[in-house]
Amino acid sequence: MRRLRSRIETPLPCEYIDAVRPDDVELPRGMEIRHLCVDGRWHIEVVYVVESPEDILTLKNTLDDVVRALQLVEKINLQ
């Protein structure tokens, strides 16, 4: 069993933290998503306890979902 931690640092201000938080429900067992405000910028940290090789795919898919949501928020922010 390994505990993996991935961190995404965005250029977005912290006021957008609640933009994707509603999606942080029904996470796989052992996964936690944290939304952080660091120096006025929104950071997202995903921590996951990996117990099998399939769990790595689950982590990848979750990170892909987070990045897609961030891209949408960023696109809307630029308009």
N, C-alpha and C. Protein backbone atom coordinates (compact mmCIF):
# COMPACT_ATOMS: atom_id res chain seq x y z
N MET A 1 0.83 -1.16 0.00
CA MET A 1 0.00 0.00 0.00
C MET A 1 0.90 1.25 0.00
N ARG A 2 0.56 2.19 -0.88
CA ARG A 2 1.32 3.45 -0.96
C ARG A 2 0.34 4.61 -0.93
N ARG A 3 0.77 5.66 -0.33
CA ARG A 3 -0.03 6.89 -0.29
C ARG A 3 0.58 7.85 -1.31
N LEU A 4 -0.21 8.16 -2.35
CA LEU A 4 0.26 9.05 -3.41
C LEU A 4 -0.37 10.43 -3.24
N ARG A 5 0.41 11.44 -3.50
CA ARG A 5 -0.07 12.81 -3.38
C ARG A 5 0.25 13.55 -4.67
N SER A 6 -0.79 14.13 -5.28
CA SER A 6 -0.62 14.93 -6.49
C SER A 6 -1.10 16.33 -6.17
N ARG A 7 -0.37 17.32 -6.65
CA ARG A 7 -0.74 18.71 -6.37
C ARG A 7 -0.79 19.48 -7.68
N ILE A 8 -1.88 20.20 -7.86
CA ILE A 8 -2.06 21.04 -9.05
C ILE A 8 -2.08 22.48 -8.57
N GLU A 9 -1.15 23.28 -9.07
CA GLU A 9 -1.09 24.70 -8.73
C GLU A 9 -1.67 25.48 -9.90
N THR A 10 -2.74 26.22 -9.64
CA THR A 10 -3.39 26.95 -10.72
C THR A 10 -3.02 28.43 -10.66
N PRO A 11 -3.22 29.14 -11.78
CA PRO A 11 -3.03 30.59 -11.78
C PRO A 11 -4.28 31.31 -11.31
N LEU A 12 -5.32 30.55 -10.97
CA LEU A 12 -6.61 31.13 -10.61
C LEU A 12 -6.61 31.65 -9.18
N PRO A 13 -7.31 32.76 -8.94
CA PRO A 13 -7.42 33.26 -7.57
C PRO A 13 -8.27 32.33 -6.71
N CYS A 14 -8.10 32.44 -5.42
CA CYS A 14 -8.78 31.55 -4.47
C CYS A 14 -10.30 31.68 -4.51
N GLU A 15 -10.82 32.75 -5.05
CA GLU A 15 -12.28 32.92 -5.10
C GLU A 15 -12.96 31.83 -5.92
N TYR A 16 -12.20 31.10 -6.72
CA TYR A 16 -12.77 30.03 -7.55
C TYR A 16 -12.75 28.66 -6.88
N ILE A 17 -12.28 28.59 -5.67
CA ILE A 17 -12.14 27.29 -4.99
C ILE A 17 -13.45 26.50 -5.00
N ASP A 18 -14.57 27.14 -4.81
CA ASP A 18 -15.84 26.42 -4.74
C ASP A 18 -16.37 26.01 -6.11
N ALA A 19 -15.66 26.34 -7.18
CA ALA A 19 -16.15 26.05 -8.53
C ALA A 19 -16.27 24.56 -8.81
N VAL A 20 -15.36 23.75 -8.32
CA VAL A 20 -15.42 22.30 -8.59
C VAL A 20 -15.62 21.48 -7.32
N ARG A 21 -15.65 22.11 -6.19
CA ARG A 21 -15.82 21.38 -4.93
C ARG A 21 -17.07 20.50 -4.91
N PRO A 22 -18.19 20.92 -5.51
CA PRO A 22 -19.37 20.04 -5.50
C PRO A 22 -19.14 18.69 -6.18
N ASP A 23 -18.11 18.61 -7.03
CA ASP A 23 -17.79 17.34 -7.69
C ASP A 23 -17.01 16.39 -6.79
N ASP A 24 -16.60 16.86 -5.63
CA ASP A 24 -15.77 16.06 -4.73
C ASP A 24 -16.62 15.18 -3.82
N VAL A 25 -17.58 14.49 -4.41
CA VAL A 25 -18.45 13.60 -3.64
C VAL A 25 -18.29 12.18 -4.17
N GLU A 26 -18.62 11.24 -3.33
CA GLU A 26 -18.53 9.83 -3.70
C GLU A 26 -17.16 9.46 -4.25
N LEU A 27 -16.14 9.91 -3.55
CA LEU A 27 -14.77 9.58 -3.94
C LEU A 27 -14.48 8.12 -3.59
N PRO A 28 -13.56 7.52 -4.32
CA PRO A 28 -13.17 6.15 -3.98
C PRO A 28 -12.61 6.08 -2.55
N ARG A 29 -12.76 4.94 -1.94
CA ARG A 29 -12.22 4.74 -0.59
C ARG A 29 -10.72 5.01 -0.62
N GLY A 30 -10.24 5.80 0.33
CA GLY A 30 -8.82 6.11 0.42
C GLY A 30 -8.40 7.35 -0.34
N MET A 31 -9.36 8.04 -0.99
CA MET A 31 -9.03 9.24 -1.76
C MET A 31 -9.56 10.47 -1.04
N GLU A 32 -8.76 11.52 -1.07
CA GLU A 32 -9.16 12.79 -0.49
C GLU A 32 -8.73 13.91 -1.43
N ILE A 33 -9.60 14.88 -1.64
CA ILE A 33 -9.28 16.04 -2.46
C ILE A 33 -9.34 17.27 -1.56
N ARG A 34 -8.24 18.03 -1.56
CA ARG A 34 -8.17 19.24 -0.74
C ARG A 34 -8.02 20.45 -1.66
N HIS A 35 -8.79 21.49 -1.35
CA HIS A 35 -8.68 22.75 -2.08
C HIS A 35 -7.98 23.74 -1.15
N LEU A 36 -6.86 24.28 -1.62
CA LEU A 36 -6.02 25.13 -0.78
C LEU A 36 -5.86 26.51 -1.40
N CYS A 37 -5.72 27.50 -0.56
CA CYS A 37 -5.40 28.84 -1.02
C CYS A 37 -3.96 29.12 -0.58
N VAL A 38 -3.06 29.25 -1.57
CA VAL A 38 -1.65 29.47 -1.29
C VAL A 38 -1.21 30.74 -2.01
N ASP A 39 -0.80 31.72 -1.24
CA ASP A 39 -0.37 33.00 -1.80
C ASP A 39 -1.41 33.58 -2.75
N GLY A 40 -2.68 33.42 -2.39
CA GLY A 40 -3.76 33.99 -3.19
C GLY A 40 -4.13 33.17 -4.41
N ARG A 41 -3.51 32.02 -4.61
CA ARG A 41 -3.79 31.17 -5.77
C ARG A 41 -4.38 29.84 -5.31
N TRP A 42 -5.24 29.30 -6.17
CA TRP A 42 -5.96 28.06 -5.88
C TRP A 42 -5.08 26.87 -6.22
N HIS A 43 -4.87 26.02 -5.24
CA HIS A 43 -4.14 24.76 -5.43
C HIS A 43 -5.07 23.62 -5.07
N ILE A 44 -4.91 22.51 -5.74
CA ILE A 44 -5.71 21.32 -5.46
C ILE A 44 -4.75 20.17 -5.18
N GLU A 45 -5.01 19.48 -4.10
CA GLU A 45 -4.18 18.35 -3.71
C GLU A 45 -5.06 17.11 -3.66
N VAL A 46 -4.63 16.06 -4.35
CA VAL A 46 -5.35 14.79 -4.34
C VAL A 46 -4.44 13.77 -3.66
N VAL A 47 -4.94 13.17 -2.60
CA VAL A 47 -4.21 12.14 -1.86
C VAL A 47 -4.99 10.84 -2.01
N TYR A 48 -4.27 9.77 -2.33
CA TYR A 48 -4.95 8.49 -2.56
C TYR A 48 -4.08 7.36 -2.06
N VAL A 49 -4.69 6.47 -1.31
CA VAL A 49 -4.00 5.27 -0.85
C VAL A 49 -4.20 4.20 -1.92
N VAL A 50 -3.11 3.84 -2.58
CA VAL A 50 -3.15 2.88 -3.68
C VAL A 50 -2.88 1.49 -3.13
N GLU A 51 -3.83 0.61 -3.39
CA GLU A 51 -3.71 -0.77 -2.91
C GLU A 51 -3.51 -1.78 -4.04
N SER A 52 -3.83 -1.36 -5.27
CA SER A 52 -3.70 -2.27 -6.41
C SER A 52 -3.33 -1.46 -7.65
N PRO A 53 -2.83 -2.11 -8.70
CA PRO A 53 -2.49 -1.38 -9.93
C PRO A 53 -3.68 -0.63 -10.53
N GLU A 54 -4.87 -1.17 -10.36
CA GLU A 54 -6.07 -0.51 -10.91
C GLU A 54 -6.32 0.84 -10.24
N ASP A 55 -5.87 0.99 -8.99
CA ASP A 55 -6.04 2.25 -8.28
C ASP A 55 -5.28 3.39 -8.93
N ILE A 56 -4.18 3.08 -9.60
CA ILE A 56 -3.42 4.12 -10.30
C ILE A 56 -4.24 4.68 -11.45
N LEU A 57 -4.97 3.84 -12.14
CA LEU A 57 -5.86 4.29 -13.21
C LEU A 57 -6.98 5.17 -12.63
N THR A 58 -7.50 4.80 -11.49
CA THR A 58 -8.53 5.59 -10.83
C THR A 58 -7.99 6.97 -10.49
N LEU A 59 -6.78 7.03 -9.97
CA LEU A 59 -6.14 8.31 -9.65
C LEU A 59 -5.95 9.14 -10.90
N LYS A 60 -5.47 8.53 -11.96
CA LYS A 60 -5.26 9.23 -13.23
C LYS A 60 -6.58 9.81 -13.74
N ASN A 61 -7.64 9.01 -13.71
CA ASN A 61 -8.94 9.48 -14.18
C ASN A 61 -9.46 10.64 -13.35
N THR A 62 -9.25 10.58 -12.04
CA THR A 62 -9.67 11.67 -11.17
C THR A 62 -8.90 12.93 -11.49
N LEU A 63 -7.59 12.82 -11.66
CA LEU A 63 -6.78 13.99 -12.00
C LEU A 63 -7.19 14.57 -13.36
N ASP A 64 -7.49 13.70 -14.31
CA ASP A 64 -7.98 14.16 -15.62
C ASP A 64 -9.27 14.96 -15.46
N ASP A 65 -10.18 14.47 -14.62
CA ASP A 65 -11.45 15.16 -14.38
C ASP A 65 -11.21 16.53 -13.75
N VAL A 66 -10.31 16.59 -12.79
CA VAL A 66 -9.99 17.85 -12.13
C VAL A 66 -9.40 18.84 -13.13
N VAL A 67 -8.48 18.38 -13.95
CA VAL A 67 -7.85 19.26 -14.94
C VAL A 67 -8.89 19.77 -15.95
N ARG A 68 -9.78 18.91 -16.40
CA ARG A 68 -10.83 19.36 -17.34
C ARG A 68 -11.72 20.42 -16.69
N ALA A 69 -12.08 20.23 -15.43
CA ALA A 69 -12.89 21.22 -14.72
C ALA A 69 -12.13 22.54 -14.59
N LEU A 70 -10.85 22.46 -14.28
CA LEU A 70 -10.03 23.67 -14.16
C LEU A 70 -9.93 24.40 -15.50
N GLN A 71 -9.80 23.66 -16.58
CA GLN A 71 -9.73 24.28 -17.90
C GLN A 71 -11.01 25.03 -18.20
N LEU A 72 -12.13 24.47 -17.82
CA LEU A 72 -13.41 25.13 -18.04
C LEU A 72 -13.51 26.41 -17.21
N VAL A 73 -13.13 26.33 -15.94
CA VAL A 73 -13.15 27.51 -15.06
C VAL A 73 -12.24 28.58 -15.62
N GLU A 74 -11.05 28.19 -16.06
CA GLU A 74 -10.09 29.15 -16.59
C GLU A 74 -10.63 29.79 -17.87
N LYS A 75 -11.25 29.01 -18.74
CA LYS A 75 -11.79 29.53 -19.97
C LYS A 75 -12.90 30.56 -19.68
N ILE A 76 -13.77 30.24 -18.73
CA ILE A 76 -14.85 31.15 -18.36
C ILE A 76 -14.26 32.41 -17.71
N ASN A 77 -13.22 32.25 -16.92
CA ASN A 77 -12.58 33.38 -16.24
C ASN A 77 -11.96 34.35 -17.24
N LEU A 78 -11.48 33.85 -18.37
CA LEU A 78 -10.81 34.70 -19.37
C LEU A 78 -11.78 35.48 -20.23
N GLN A 79 -13.04 35.09 -20.23
CA GLN A 79 -14.03 35.77 -21.08
C GLN A 79 -14.54 37.03 -20.46
